Amino acid sequence: MSARLRPNSCRRFTVHEVVTRRTRRLAAICKNERTMALEPNSPQNTVQTVSKALALLELFTPDVEWLGVREIGRILDINSATVHNLLRTLASSGFIEQHPETRKYRLGLALVQLAGTKLAQLDLVKVCSPPMKALMEKTGETVTLSVLHGSELLYLAKNESTEPMRVASRVGGSAPLHCSANGKALLAFIEEPQLSQFFSQPLKRFTSETVVDSEILRAELQDIRRLGYAVDLGGYLPGVNAVGAPIRDQTHKVVASLGIVGPASRLREEKLTFCTIHVQEAAAEMSRSLGWNRR
């Protein structure tokens, strides 16, 4: 059994909901481009074709794997001939692949290769990968690396537990800052103007344990700054506990957070204390590799 960390909701979205939530901007790009009279081979037309191709790729999400030509055309408000041309070009380079029976399309492996190349180039991921693996082996629980992304956190890397019952996260997925251990380890070190802006919005309740009182959460953030770690006891996902610690760079700025997450049935007081000690040690090791020195 695996409880998966999913941002905001675990339900699957329909194509219609994807249109309303994610693709209005993309459709506008394609629609606006048609209003400009351009020569077929002009540089502007080439740029607009690239924009349409990127808009098409962004239609695919973890909840929308396959799309047909008509669906794509309807969502982006472009004709089927243009969609066919875009898909043919993308498929020739491996960015899109077609189902042999349904004739629908999904993202291709070329994108995975590009994403892997980018992740491998990130110094943060390179530095953190060995300690993350060691931490997962030492604790037996899922280990995650997160960075701040707007008003949420973004999972940058993970080492998933090998236990049959575990908590799984998705690289590239997001989670709230105010009720996850990784998130609070980041939120505690945001500068005050940005922190005040964060607290200007209501805090969403995810479980009965979620702290939604800003004064209580501010007091908790003070403790996190003092102690150097954050704890989540079922505040984001029911029956899931976690600990997190900040990772600093050479300027002493918190650039990421390291977390350990697992079922509450295993992450009880004794093991939670064990994980808290080791997540701080691993985060400090990563920070030193990034040039941080304890003052």
C-alpha atoms as a PDB file:
ATOM      1  CA  MET A   1       0.000   0.000   0.000  1.00  0.00           C
ATOM      2  CA  SER A   2       1.392   3.368  -0.939  1.00  0.00           C
ATOM      3  CA  ALA A   3       0.053   6.769   0.096  1.00  0.00           C
ATOM      4  CA  ARG A   4       1.024   9.194  -2.630  1.00  0.00           C
ATOM      5  CA  LEU A   5       1.787  12.847  -2.046  1.00  0.00           C
ATOM      6  CA  ARG A   6      -0.337  14.756  -4.512  1.00  0.00           C
ATOM      7  CA  PRO A   7      -0.798  18.514  -4.554  1.00  0.00           C
ATOM      8  CA  ASN A   8      -4.233  19.646  -3.368  1.00  0.00           C
ATOM      9  CA  SER A   9      -6.240  16.615  -4.516  1.00  0.00           C
ATOM     10  CA  CYS A  10      -5.982  12.972  -5.469  1.00  0.00           C
ATOM     11  CA  ARG A  11      -8.825  12.989  -7.994  1.00  0.00           C
ATOM     12  CA  ARG A  12      -8.210  12.775 -11.715  1.00  0.00           C
ATOM     13  CA  PHE A  13      -9.067  15.763 -13.900  1.00  0.00           C
ATOM     14  CA  THR A  14     -11.122  15.547 -17.060  1.00  0.00           C
ATOM     15  CA  VAL A  15      -9.985  17.119 -20.316  1.00  0.00           C
ATOM     16  CA  HIS A  16     -12.579  19.852 -19.801  1.00  0.00           C
ATOM     17  CA  GLU A  17     -11.108  20.715 -16.411  1.00  0.00           C
ATOM     18  CA  VAL A  18      -7.636  20.799 -17.882  1.00  0.00           C
ATOM     19  CA  VAL A  19      -8.904  23.361 -20.386  1.00  0.00           C
ATOM     20  CA  THR A  20     -10.359  25.592 -17.700  1.00  0.00           C
ATOM     21  CA  ARG A  21      -7.487  25.233 -15.247  1.00  0.00           C
ATOM     22  CA  ARG A  22      -4.365  25.089 -17.369  1.00  0.00           C
ATOM     23  CA  THR A  23      -4.827  25.884 -21.052  1.00  0.00           C
ATOM     24  CA  ARG A  24      -6.615  29.199 -21.406  1.00  0.00           C
ATOM     25  CA  ARG A  25      -3.258  30.891 -21.760  1.00  0.00           C
ATOM     26  CA  LEU A  26      -2.107  28.306 -24.291  1.00  0.00           C
ATOM     27  CA  ALA A  27      -5.253  28.654 -26.380  1.00  0.00           C
ATOM     28  CA  ALA A  28      -4.848  32.423 -26.316  1.00  0.00           C
ATOM     29  CA  ILE A  29      -1.318  32.099 -27.682  1.00  0.00           C
ATOM     30  CA  CYS A  30      -2.492  30.046 -30.636  1.00  0.00           C
ATOM     31  CA  LYS A  31      -5.559  32.206 -31.264  1.00  0.00           C
ATOM     32  CA  ASN A  32      -3.633  35.473 -31.173  1.00  0.00           C
ATOM     33  CA  GLU A  33      -1.075  34.157 -33.609  1.00  0.00           C
ATOM     34  CA  ARG A  34      -3.718  33.585 -36.265  1.00  0.00           C
ATOM     35  CA  THR A  35      -4.624  37.263 -36.210  1.00  0.00           C
ATOM     36  CA  MET A  36      -1.198  38.210 -37.575  1.00  0.00           C
ATOM     37  CA  ALA A  37      -0.745  37.989 -41.331  1.00  0.00           C
ATOM     38  CA  LEU A  38       2.702  36.495 -41.830  1.00  0.00           C
ATOM     39  CA  GLU A  39       4.631  35.083 -44.754  1.00  0.00           C
ATOM     40  CA  PRO A  40       4.834  31.249 -44.534  1.00  0.00           C
ATOM     41  CA  ASN A  41       8.622  31.183 -44.204  1.00  0.00           C
ATOM     42  CA  SER A  42       9.091  34.343 -42.161  1.00  0.00           C
ATOM     43  CA  PRO A  43      11.051  34.226 -38.872  1.00  0.00           C
ATOM     44  CA  GLN A  44       7.928  35.361 -37.022  1.00  0.00           C
ATOM     45  CA  ASN A  45       5.959  32.429 -38.391  1.00  0.00           C
ATOM     46  CA  THR A  46       8.692  30.022 -37.300  1.00  0.00           C
ATOM     47  CA  VAL A  47       8.591  31.425 -33.765  1.00  0.00           C
ATOM     48  CA  GLN A  48       4.812  31.092 -33.670  1.00  0.00           C
ATOM     49  CA  THR A  49       4.999  27.479 -34.834  1.00  0.00           C
ATOM     50  CA  VAL A  50       7.391  26.748 -31.981  1.00  0.00           C
ATOM     51  CA  SER A  51       4.978  28.457 -29.566  1.00  0.00           C
ATOM     52  CA  LYS A  52       2.142  26.253 -30.790  1.00  0.00           C
ATOM     53  CA  ALA A  53       4.273  23.127 -30.405  1.00  0.00           C
ATOM     54  CA  LEU A  54       5.166  24.096 -26.833  1.00  0.00           C
ATOM     55  CA  ALA A  55       1.514  24.852 -26.073  1.00  0.00           C
ATOM     56  CA  LEU A  56       0.627  21.395 -27.368  1.00  0.00           C
ATOM     57  CA  LEU A  57       3.228  19.695 -25.163  1.00  0.00           C
ATOM     58  CA  GLU A  58       1.950  21.518 -22.084  1.00  0.00           C
ATOM     59  CA  LEU A  59      -1.498  19.964 -22.521  1.00  0.00           C
ATOM     60  CA  PHE A  60      -0.210  16.639 -21.216  1.00  0.00           C
ATOM     61  CA  THR A  61      -0.231  16.246 -17.436  1.00  0.00           C
ATOM     62  CA  PRO A  62       0.091  13.355 -14.960  1.00  0.00           C
ATOM     63  CA  ASP A  63      -3.712  13.088 -15.182  1.00  0.00           C
ATOM     64  CA  VAL A  64      -4.035  13.504 -18.966  1.00  0.00           C
ATOM     65  CA  GLU A  65      -1.777  10.973 -20.664  1.00  0.00           C
ATOM     66  CA  TRP A  66      -3.419  10.522 -24.087  1.00  0.00           C
ATOM     67  CA  LEU A  67      -5.004  13.120 -26.382  1.00  0.00           C
ATOM     68  CA  GLY A  68      -6.437  12.868 -29.886  1.00  0.00           C
ATOM     69  CA  VAL A  69      -6.054  15.291 -32.777  1.00  0.00           C
ATOM     70  CA  ARG A  70      -9.573  16.677 -32.403  1.00  0.00           C
ATOM     71  CA  GLU A  71      -9.185  17.138 -28.646  1.00  0.00           C
ATOM     72  CA  ILE A  72      -5.930  19.030 -29.121  1.00  0.00           C
ATOM     73  CA  GLY A  73      -7.424  21.185 -31.860  1.00  0.00           C
ATOM     74  CA  ARG A  74     -10.468  21.997 -29.745  1.00  0.00           C
ATOM     75  CA  ILE A  75      -8.443  22.873 -26.645  1.00  0.00           C
ATOM     76  CA  LEU A  76      -5.946  25.073 -28.495  1.00  0.00           C
ATOM     77  CA  ASP A  77      -8.518  26.333 -31.004  1.00  0.00           C
ATOM     78  CA  ILE A  78      -6.445  25.421 -34.065  1.00  0.00           C
ATOM     79  CA  ASN A  79      -7.424  23.361 -37.107  1.00  0.00           C
ATOM     80  CA  SER A  80      -6.745  19.643 -37.453  1.00  0.00           C
ATOM     81  CA  ALA A  81      -4.277  20.088 -40.320  1.00  0.00           C
ATOM     82  CA  THR A  82      -2.070  22.291 -38.144  1.00  0.00           C
ATOM     83  CA  VAL A  83      -2.335  19.816 -35.266  1.00  0.00           C
ATOM     84  CA  HIS A  84      -1.308  16.954 -37.582  1.00  0.00           C
ATOM     85  CA  ASN A  85       1.725  18.906 -38.800  1.00  0.00           C
ATOM     86  CA  LEU A  86       2.811  19.751 -35.265  1.00  0.00           C
ATOM     87  CA  LEU A  87       2.378  16.167 -34.075  1.00  0.00           C
ATOM     88  CA  ARG A  88       4.256  14.772 -37.076  1.00  0.00           C
ATOM     89  CA  THR A  89       7.216  17.063 -36.411  1.00  0.00           C
ATOM     90  CA  LEU A  90       7.274  16.349 -32.677  1.00  0.00           C
ATOM     91  CA  ALA A  91       6.928  12.593 -33.234  1.00  0.00           C
ATOM     92  CA  SER A  92       9.841  12.546 -35.684  1.00  0.00           C
ATOM     93  CA  SER A  93      12.119  13.738 -32.864  1.00  0.00           C
ATOM     94  CA  GLY A  94      10.630  11.492 -30.195  1.00  0.00           C
ATOM     95  CA  PHE A  95       8.867  14.233 -28.238  1.00  0.00           C
ATOM     96  CA  ILE A  96       5.453  12.719 -28.985  1.00  0.00           C
ATOM     97  CA  GLU A  97       4.448   9.097 -29.579  1.00  0.00           C
ATOM     98  CA  GLN A  98       1.262   7.616 -31.028  1.00  0.00           C
ATOM     99  CA  HIS A  99      -0.790   4.683 -29.787  1.00  0.00           C
ATOM    100  CA  PRO A 100      -0.970   2.107 -32.614  1.00  0.00           C
ATOM    101  CA  GLU A 101      -4.638   1.268 -31.986  1.00  0.00           C
ATOM    102  CA  THR A 102      -6.374   4.385 -30.644  1.00  0.00           C
ATOM    103  CA  ARG A 103      -4.182   6.721 -32.759  1.00  0.00           C
ATOM    104  CA  LYS A 104      -4.024   9.097 -29.805  1.00  0.00           C
ATOM    105  CA  TYR A 105      -0.809  10.766 -28.697  1.00  0.00           C
ATOM    106  CA  ARG A 106       1.210  11.114 -25.514  1.00  0.00           C
ATOM    107  CA  LEU A 107       4.590  12.553 -24.496  1.00  0.00           C
ATOM    108  CA  GLY A 108       7.633  10.726 -25.848  1.00  0.00           C
ATOM    109  CA  LEU A 109      10.843   9.552 -24.241  1.00  0.00           C
ATOM    110  CA  ALA A 110      12.882  12.387 -25.757  1.00  0.00           C
ATOM    111  CA  LEU A 111      11.390  14.665 -23.098  1.00  0.00           C
ATOM    112  CA  VAL A 112      12.483  12.268 -20.374  1.00  0.00           C
ATOM    113  CA  GLN A 113      16.010  12.375 -21.760  1.00  0.00           C
ATOM    114  CA  LEU A 114      15.989  16.176 -21.763  1.00  0.00           C
ATOM    115  CA  ALA A 115      14.616  16.308 -18.222  1.00  0.00           C
ATOM    116  CA  GLY A 116      17.231  13.820 -17.064  1.00  0.00           C
ATOM    117  CA  THR A 117      19.980  15.903 -18.630  1.00  0.00           C
ATOM    118  CA  LYS A 118      18.735  19.044 -16.899  1.00  0.00           C
ATOM    119  CA  LEU A 119      18.439  17.351 -13.518  1.00  0.00           C
ATOM    120  CA  ALA A 120      21.921  15.898 -13.880  1.00  0.00           C
ATOM    121  CA  GLN A 121      23.233  19.396 -14.535  1.00  0.00           C
ATOM    122  CA  LEU A 122      21.770  20.803 -11.367  1.00  0.00           C
ATOM    123  CA  ASP A 123      24.530  21.095  -8.782  1.00  0.00           C
ATOM    124  CA  LEU A 124      21.981  20.746  -6.006  1.00  0.00           C
ATOM    125  CA  VAL A 125      20.776  17.362  -7.214  1.00  0.00           C
ATOM    126  CA  LYS A 126      24.335  16.184  -7.859  1.00  0.00           C
ATOM    127  CA  VAL A 127      25.430  17.195  -4.381  1.00  0.00           C
ATOM    128  CA  CYS A 128      22.408  15.765  -2.616  1.00  0.00           C
ATOM    129  CA  SER A 129      21.982  12.439  -4.409  1.00  0.00           C
ATOM    130  CA  PRO A 130      24.595  10.362  -2.485  1.00  0.00           C
ATOM    131  CA  PRO A 131      23.551  11.596   1.002  1.00  0.00           C
ATOM    132  CA  MET A 132      19.883  11.089   0.090  1.00  0.00           C
ATOM    133  CA  LYS A 133      20.502   7.480  -0.885  1.00  0.00           C
ATOM    134  CA  ALA A 134      22.466   6.885   2.313  1.00  0.00           C
ATOM    135  CA  LEU A 135      19.718   8.499   4.389  1.00  0.00           C
ATOM    136  CA  MET A 136      17.025   6.323   2.814  1.00  0.00           C
ATOM    137  CA  GLU A 137      19.074   3.191   3.477  1.00  0.00           C
ATOM    138  CA  LYS A 138      19.743   4.268   7.064  1.00  0.00           C
ATOM    139  CA  THR A 139      16.129   5.127   7.930  1.00  0.00           C
ATOM    140  CA  GLY A 140      14.216   2.844   5.563  1.00  0.00           C
ATOM    141  CA  GLU A 141      11.853   5.696   4.673  1.00  0.00           C
ATOM    142  CA  THR A 142      11.287   7.848   1.598  1.00  0.00           C
ATOM    143  CA  VAL A 143      13.681  10.799   1.370  1.00  0.00           C
ATOM    144  CA  THR A 144      12.782  13.925  -0.602  1.00  0.00           C
ATOM    145  CA  LEU A 145      14.589  17.045  -1.775  1.00  0.00           C
ATOM    146  CA  SER A 146      12.448  20.154  -2.219  1.00  0.00           C
ATOM    147  CA  VAL A 147      12.841  23.760  -3.303  1.00  0.00           C
ATOM    148  CA  LEU A 148      10.611  26.794  -2.998  1.00  0.00           C
ATOM    149  CA  HIS A 149       8.341  27.311  -6.002  1.00  0.00           C
ATOM    150  CA  GLY A 150       6.052  30.300  -5.605  1.00  0.00           C
ATOM    151  CA  SER A 151       3.743  29.653  -2.663  1.00  0.00           C
ATOM    152  CA  GLU A 152       4.379  25.884  -2.739  1.00  0.00           C
ATOM    153  CA  LEU A 153       7.311  23.513  -2.700  1.00  0.00           C
ATOM    154  CA  LEU A 154       8.558  21.540  -5.676  1.00  0.00           C
ATOM    155  CA  TYR A 155       9.934  18.018  -5.319  1.00  0.00           C
ATOM    156  CA  LEU A 156      13.299  18.064  -7.057  1.00  0.00           C
ATOM    157  CA  ALA A 157      14.533  14.556  -6.235  1.00  0.00           C
ATOM    158  CA  LYS A 158      13.595  11.527  -4.162  1.00  0.00           C
ATOM    159  CA  ASN A 159      14.832   8.181  -2.899  1.00  0.00           C
ATOM    160  CA  GLU A 160      11.795   6.043  -2.295  1.00  0.00           C
ATOM    161  CA  SER A 161      11.552   3.565   0.556  1.00  0.00           C
ATOM    162  CA  THR A 162      11.694  -0.107  -0.334  1.00  0.00           C
ATOM    163  CA  GLU A 163       9.113  -0.955   2.339  1.00  0.00           C
ATOM    164  CA  PRO A 164       5.847  -2.463   1.011  1.00  0.00           C
ATOM    165  CA  MET A 165       3.924   0.250   2.852  1.00  0.00           C
ATOM    166  CA  ARG A 166       5.534   3.576   2.074  1.00  0.00           C
ATOM    167  CA  VAL A 167       4.854   7.178   1.166  1.00  0.00           C
ATOM    168  CA  ALA A 168       5.711   8.045  -2.420  1.00  0.00           C
ATOM    169  CA  SER A 169       6.266  11.487  -3.911  1.00  0.00           C
ATOM    170  CA  ARG A 170       6.581  12.530  -7.542  1.00  0.00           C
ATOM    171  CA  VAL A 171       9.594  14.449  -8.813  1.00  0.00           C
ATOM    172  CA  GLY A 172       8.166  17.636 -10.292  1.00  0.00           C
ATOM    173  CA  GLY A 173       5.129  17.449  -8.019  1.00  0.00           C
ATOM    174  CA  SER A 174       4.243  20.082  -5.453  1.00  0.00           C
ATOM    175  CA  ALA A 175       2.986  20.285  -1.886  1.00  0.00           C
ATOM    176  CA  PRO A 176       1.871  23.059   0.477  1.00  0.00           C
ATOM    177  CA  LEU A 177       4.416  24.921   2.562  1.00  0.00           C
ATOM    178  CA  HIS A 178       2.405  25.386   5.748  1.00  0.00           C
ATOM    179  CA  CYS A 179       1.641  21.755   6.610  1.00  0.00           C
ATOM    180  CA  SER A 180       4.459  19.603   5.202  1.00  0.00           C
ATOM    181  CA  ALA A 181       7.794  19.106   6.957  1.00  0.00           C
ATOM    182  CA  ASN A 182       9.789  20.013   3.848  1.00  0.00           C
ATOM    183  CA  GLY A 183       7.571  23.033   3.321  1.00  0.00           C
ATOM    184  CA  LYS A 184       7.875  24.364   6.862  1.00  0.00           C
ATOM    185  CA  ALA A 185      11.649  23.905   6.719  1.00  0.00           C
ATOM    186  CA  LEU A 186      11.576  26.299   3.746  1.00  0.00           C
ATOM    187  CA  LEU A 187       8.854  28.629   5.001  1.00  0.00           C
ATOM    188  CA  ALA A 188      10.648  29.285   8.297  1.00  0.00           C
ATOM    189  CA  PHE A 189      13.538  30.953   6.490  1.00  0.00           C
ATOM    190  CA  ILE A 190      11.639  33.134   4.027  1.00  0.00           C
ATOM    191  CA  GLU A 191      12.312  36.829   4.582  1.00  0.00           C
ATOM    192  CA  GLU A 192       9.576  38.767   6.347  1.00  0.00           C
ATOM    193  CA  PRO A 193       8.083  40.759   3.437  1.00  0.00           C
ATOM    194  CA  GLN A 194       7.526  37.536   1.482  1.00  0.00           C
ATOM    195  CA  LEU A 195       6.383  35.718   4.623  1.00  0.00           C
ATOM    196  CA  SER A 196       3.791  38.413   5.359  1.00  0.00           C
ATOM    197  CA  GLN A 197       2.523  38.091   1.813  1.00  0.00           C
ATOM    198  CA  PHE A 198       2.215  34.332   2.286  1.00  0.00           C
ATOM    199  CA  PHE A 199       0.172  34.807   5.462  1.00  0.00           C
ATOM    200  CA  SER A 200      -2.104  37.336   3.767  1.00  0.00           C
ATOM    201  CA  GLN A 201      -3.953  34.363   2.242  1.00  0.00           C
ATOM    202  CA  PRO A 202      -6.019  31.848   4.261  1.00  0.00           C
ATOM    203  CA  LEU A 203      -4.224  28.617   5.127  1.00  0.00           C
ATOM    204  CA  LYS A 204      -5.904  25.595   3.575  1.00  0.00           C
ATOM    205  CA  ARG A 205      -6.907  22.696   5.807  1.00  0.00           C
ATOM    206  CA  PHE A 206      -5.902  19.265   4.469  1.00  0.00           C
ATOM    207  CA  THR A 207      -6.547  17.104   7.549  1.00  0.00           C
ATOM    208  CA  SER A 208      -7.882  17.513  11.064  1.00  0.00           C
ATOM    209  CA  GLU A 209      -4.257  18.094  12.160  1.00  0.00           C
ATOM    210  CA  THR A 210      -3.503  20.927   9.721  1.00  0.00           C
ATOM    211  CA  VAL A 211      -2.550  24.167  11.457  1.00  0.00           C
ATOM    212  CA  VAL A 212      -4.575  26.955   9.845  1.00  0.00           C
ATOM    213  CA  ASP A 213      -4.100  29.611  12.542  1.00  0.00           C
ATOM    214  CA  SER A 214      -1.394  31.986  11.295  1.00  0.00           C
ATOM    215  CA  GLU A 215      -0.263  32.975  14.802  1.00  0.00           C
ATOM    216  CA  ILE A 216       0.210  29.353  15.842  1.00  0.00           C
ATOM    217  CA  LEU A 217       2.091  28.610  12.632  1.00  0.00           C
ATOM    218  CA  ARG A 218       4.308  31.680  13.051  1.00  0.00           C
ATOM    219  CA  ALA A 219       5.243  30.455  16.533  1.00  0.00           C
ATOM    220  CA  GLU A 220       6.060  27.034  15.076  1.00  0.00           C
ATOM    221  CA  LEU A 221       8.268  28.656  12.435  1.00  0.00           C
ATOM    222  CA  GLN A 222      10.205  30.416  15.198  1.00  0.00           C
ATOM    223  CA  ASP A 223      10.831  27.034  16.826  1.00  0.00           C
ATOM    224  CA  ILE A 224      11.994  25.626  13.483  1.00  0.00           C
ATOM    225  CA  ARG A 225      14.506  28.452  13.084  1.00  0.00           C
ATOM    226  CA  ARG A 226      15.757  27.842  16.623  1.00  0.00           C
ATOM    227  CA  LEU A 227      15.895  24.030  16.467  1.00  0.00           C
ATOM    228  CA  GLY A 228      16.931  23.607  12.835  1.00  0.00           C
ATOM    229  CA  TYR A 229      14.254  21.107  11.823  1.00  0.00           C
ATOM    230  CA  ALA A 230      10.519  20.833  11.111  1.00  0.00           C
ATOM    231  CA  VAL A 231       8.019  18.095  11.971  1.00  0.00           C
ATOM    232  CA  ASP A 232       4.702  17.186  10.367  1.00  0.00           C
ATOM    233  CA  LEU A 233       2.377  14.820  12.227  1.00  0.00           C
ATOM    234  CA  GLY A 234      -0.435  14.123   9.791  1.00  0.00           C
ATOM    235  CA  GLY A 235      -0.915  17.765   8.869  1.00  0.00           C
ATOM    236  CA  TYR A 236      -0.776  17.175   5.121  1.00  0.00           C
ATOM    237  CA  LEU A 237      -1.727  13.524   4.637  1.00  0.00           C
ATOM    238  CA  PRO A 238      -3.682  11.496   7.214  1.00  0.00           C
ATOM    239  CA  GLY A 239      -1.563   8.826   8.864  1.00  0.00           C
ATOM    240  CA  VAL A 240       1.685  10.228   7.466  1.00  0.00           C
ATOM    241  CA  ASN A 241       4.484  11.768   9.537  1.00  0.00           C
ATOM    242  CA  ALA A 242       7.594  13.562   8.342  1.00  0.00           C
ATOM    243  CA  VAL A 243      10.638  15.548   9.410  1.00  0.00           C
ATOM    244  CA  GLY A 244      12.527  18.122   7.374  1.00  0.00           C
ATOM    245  CA  ALA A 245      15.659  20.243   7.614  1.00  0.00           C
ATOM    246  CA  PRO A 246      16.935  23.256   5.650  1.00  0.00           C
ATOM    247  CA  ILE A 247      19.859  23.111   3.225  1.00  0.00           C
ATOM    248  CA  ARG A 248      22.035  26.235   2.933  1.00  0.00           C
ATOM    249  CA  ASP A 249      24.514  27.506   0.369  1.00  0.00           C
ATOM    250  CA  GLN A 250      27.773  29.428   0.770  1.00  0.00           C
ATOM    251  CA  THR A 251      25.858  32.645   1.536  1.00  0.00           C
ATOM    252  CA  HIS A 252      23.987  30.909   4.394  1.00  0.00           C
ATOM    253  CA  LYS A 253      20.757  31.242   2.414  1.00  0.00           C
ATOM    254  CA  VAL A 254      18.307  28.333   2.645  1.00  0.00           C
ATOM    255  CA  VAL A 255      18.077  27.005  -0.916  1.00  0.00           C
ATOM    256  CA  ALA A 256      16.290  23.687  -0.369  1.00  0.00           C
ATOM    257  CA  SER A 257      14.933  21.316   2.240  1.00  0.00           C
ATOM    258  CA  LEU A 258      15.567  17.654   2.917  1.00  0.00           C
ATOM    259  CA  GLY A 259      12.773  15.491   4.257  1.00  0.00           C
ATOM    260  CA  ILE A 260      12.021  12.004   5.536  1.00  0.00           C
ATOM    261  CA  VAL A 261       8.416  10.866   5.224  1.00  0.00           C
ATOM    262  CA  GLY A 262       6.697   7.646   6.207  1.00  0.00           C
ATOM    263  CA  PRO A 263       3.581   6.039   7.671  1.00  0.00           C
ATOM    264  CA  ALA A 264       2.755   7.237  11.184  1.00  0.00           C
ATOM    265  CA  SER A 265       2.626   3.589  12.243  1.00  0.00           C
ATOM    266  CA  ARG A 266       6.415   3.429  11.741  1.00  0.00           C
ATOM    267  CA  LEU A 267       7.439   7.041  12.304  1.00  0.00           C
ATOM    268  CA  ARG A 268       6.505   7.087  15.967  1.00  0.00           C
ATOM    269  CA  GLU A 269       8.325   8.928  18.742  1.00  0.00           C
ATOM    270  CA  GLU A 270      11.515   6.838  18.891  1.00  0.00           C
ATOM    271  CA  LYS A 271      12.030   6.502  15.144  1.00  0.00           C
ATOM    272  CA  LEU A 272      10.906  10.089  14.568  1.00  0.00           C
ATOM    273  CA  THR A 273      13.674  11.233  16.914  1.00  0.00           C
ATOM    274  CA  PHE A 274      16.147   8.981  15.081  1.00  0.00           C
ATOM    275  CA  CYS A 275      15.092  10.438  11.714  1.00  0.00           C
ATOM    276  CA  THR A 276      15.236  14.001  13.039  1.00  0.00           C
ATOM    277  CA  ILE A 277      18.870  13.571  14.064  1.00  0.00           C
ATOM    278  CA  HIS A 278      19.900  12.025  10.773  1.00  0.00           C
ATOM    279  CA  VAL A 279      17.984  14.392   8.497  1.00  0.00           C
ATOM    280  CA  GLN A 280      19.793  17.307  10.155  1.00  0.00           C
ATOM    281  CA  GLU A 281      23.158  15.594   9.747  1.00  0.00           C
ATOM    282  CA  ALA A 282      22.500  14.863   6.072  1.00  0.00           C
ATOM    283  CA  ALA A 283      21.240  18.409   5.424  1.00  0.00           C
ATOM    284  CA  ALA A 284      24.374  19.815   7.074  1.00  0.00           C
ATOM    285  CA  GLU A 285      26.555  17.557   4.911  1.00  0.00           C
ATOM    286  CA  MET A 286      24.780  18.806   1.784  1.00  0.00           C
ATOM    287  CA  SER A 287      25.112  22.408   2.947  1.00  0.00           C
ATOM    288  CA  ARG A 288      28.857  22.014   3.469  1.00  0.00           C
ATOM    289  CA  SER A 289      29.152  20.600  -0.051  1.00  0.00           C
ATOM    290  CA  LEU A 290      27.445  23.776  -1.300  1.00  0.00           C
ATOM    291  CA  GLY A 291      30.010  25.950   0.494  1.00  0.00           C
ATOM    292  CA  TRP A 292      28.211  26.576   3.784  1.00  0.00           C
ATOM    293  CA  ASN A 293      30.271  26.905   6.961  1.00  0.00           C
ATOM    294  CA  ARG A 294      28.722  27.018  10.415  1.00  0.00           C
ATOM    295  CA  ARG A 295      29.497  30.364  12.023  1.00  0.00           C
END
